[in-house]
């Protein structure tokens, strides 16, 4: 589940709107809508504040140990792609360094 999908579930259970949550954490009313529109991820601090505004806690657990009914938040496809690109760049750099050592 993506973060903003989880936030929508939490907001519905709390009877809150996205603009209400934004304002409750001291942001402008369009803060969450803007994040959704740009497919961005909030900082961890803001993510926690938004969930807490809905009466939810954010908890870290070992992978695979989330209890039934817990919302498990996955990274966005954009973040997964960025991680993959960074890993590939690092691999290519290491290969160049090994080639330089072999010369």
Protein backbone atom coordinates (compact mmCIF):
# COMPACT_ATOMS: atom_id res chain seq x y z
CA UNK A 1 0.00 0.00 0.00
CA UNK A 2 1.33 3.45 -0.85
CA UNK A 3 1.54 6.05 1.92
CA UNK A 4 -1.23 8.32 0.70
CA UNK A 5 -3.55 5.32 0.26
CA UNK A 6 -2.91 4.42 3.90
CA UNK A 7 -3.52 8.04 4.90
CA UNK A 8 -6.86 8.00 3.07
CA UNK A 9 -7.88 4.89 5.04
CA UNK A 10 -6.80 6.53 8.31
CA UNK A 11 -8.59 9.77 7.42
CA UNK A 12 -11.80 7.93 6.58
CA UNK A 13 -11.72 6.05 9.89
CA UNK A 14 -11.09 9.35 11.72
CA UNK A 15 -13.77 11.22 9.76
CA UNK A 16 -11.22 13.74 8.52
CA UNK A 17 -10.50 15.33 5.16
CA UNK A 18 -7.08 15.66 3.57
CA UNK A 19 -7.26 19.45 3.88
CA UNK A 20 -8.26 19.09 7.54
CA UNK A 21 -5.26 16.88 8.21
CA UNK A 22 -2.97 19.33 6.37
CA UNK A 23 -4.20 22.22 8.48
CA UNK A 24 -4.01 20.20 11.68
CA UNK A 25 -0.28 19.62 11.15
CA UNK A 26 0.31 23.29 10.38
CA UNK A 27 0.45 23.07 6.59
CA UNK A 28 -1.69 24.79 3.99
CA UNK A 29 -4.95 23.07 3.07
CA UNK A 30 -3.55 21.79 -0.24
CA UNK A 31 -0.37 20.23 1.18
CA UNK A 32 -1.54 16.61 0.93
CA UNK A 33 -3.36 17.12 -2.38
CA UNK A 34 -0.15 18.56 -3.81
CA UNK A 35 1.87 15.57 -2.61
CA UNK A 36 -0.64 13.16 -4.14
CA UNK A 37 -0.71 15.09 -7.44
CA UNK A 38 3.09 15.08 -7.70
CA UNK A 39 3.36 11.44 -6.56
CA UNK A 40 5.87 12.53 -3.93
CA UNK A 41 6.54 11.10 -0.51
CA UNK A 42 6.28 13.20 2.64
CA UNK A 43 9.20 13.38 5.03
CA UNK A 44 8.98 10.76 7.76
CA UNK A 45 8.22 13.52 10.28
CA UNK A 46 5.28 14.79 8.26
CA UNK A 47 4.09 11.26 7.52
CA UNK A 48 4.02 10.51 11.26
CA UNK A 49 2.27 13.81 12.05
CA UNK A 50 -0.42 13.14 9.43
CA UNK A 51 -1.11 9.65 10.73
CA UNK A 52 -1.16 10.87 14.33
CA UNK A 53 -3.65 13.57 13.32
CA UNK A 54 -5.94 10.66 12.36
CA UNK A 55 -5.32 8.81 15.61
CA UNK A 56 -2.82 6.29 14.16
CA UNK A 57 0.73 5.49 15.24
CA UNK A 58 3.55 4.71 12.81
CA UNK A 59 5.53 1.69 14.00
CA UNK A 60 8.56 -0.08 12.52
CA UNK A 61 8.54 -3.87 12.66
CA UNK A 62 10.76 -6.55 11.15
CA UNK A 63 9.60 -7.40 7.63
CA UNK A 64 6.87 -10.00 7.56
CA UNK A 65 5.85 -9.44 11.18
CA UNK A 66 3.04 -6.92 10.75
CA UNK A 67 -0.08 -8.10 12.60
CA UNK A 68 -3.31 -8.76 10.73
CA UNK A 69 -5.11 -5.52 9.99
CA UNK A 70 -1.94 -3.41 10.00
CA UNK A 71 -1.39 -1.06 7.07
CA UNK A 72 1.98 -1.90 5.53
CA UNK A 73 3.35 1.05 3.57
CA UNK A 74 5.49 0.34 0.52
CA UNK A 75 7.86 2.73 -1.23
CA UNK A 76 6.52 4.55 -4.27
CA UNK A 77 7.47 3.20 -7.70
CA UNK A 78 9.43 6.44 -8.16
CA UNK A 79 11.48 5.70 -5.03
CA UNK A 80 12.09 2.09 -6.06
CA UNK A 81 13.31 3.28 -9.47
CA UNK A 82 15.62 5.86 -7.88
CA UNK A 83 17.08 3.19 -5.59
CA UNK A 84 17.64 0.88 -8.56
CA UNK A 85 19.32 3.65 -10.57
CA UNK A 86 21.60 4.53 -7.65
CA UNK A 87 22.54 0.87 -7.19
CA UNK A 88 23.33 0.54 -10.92
CA UNK A 89 25.51 3.68 -10.87
CA UNK A 90 27.41 2.36 -7.87
CA UNK A 91 27.92 -1.02 -9.58
CA UNK A 92 29.19 0.69 -12.75
CA UNK A 93 31.59 2.85 -10.71
CA UNK A 94 32.97 -0.21 -8.91
CA UNK A 95 33.44 -2.02 -12.23
CA UNK A 96 35.40 0.96 -13.59
CA UNK A 97 37.57 0.98 -10.46
CA UNK A 98 38.28 -2.74 -10.86
CA UNK A 99 39.20 -2.21 -14.52
CA UNK A 100 41.56 0.59 -13.50
CA UNK A 101 43.21 -1.69 -10.93
CA UNK A 102 43.61 -4.44 -13.52
CA UNK A 103 45.39 -2.09 -15.96
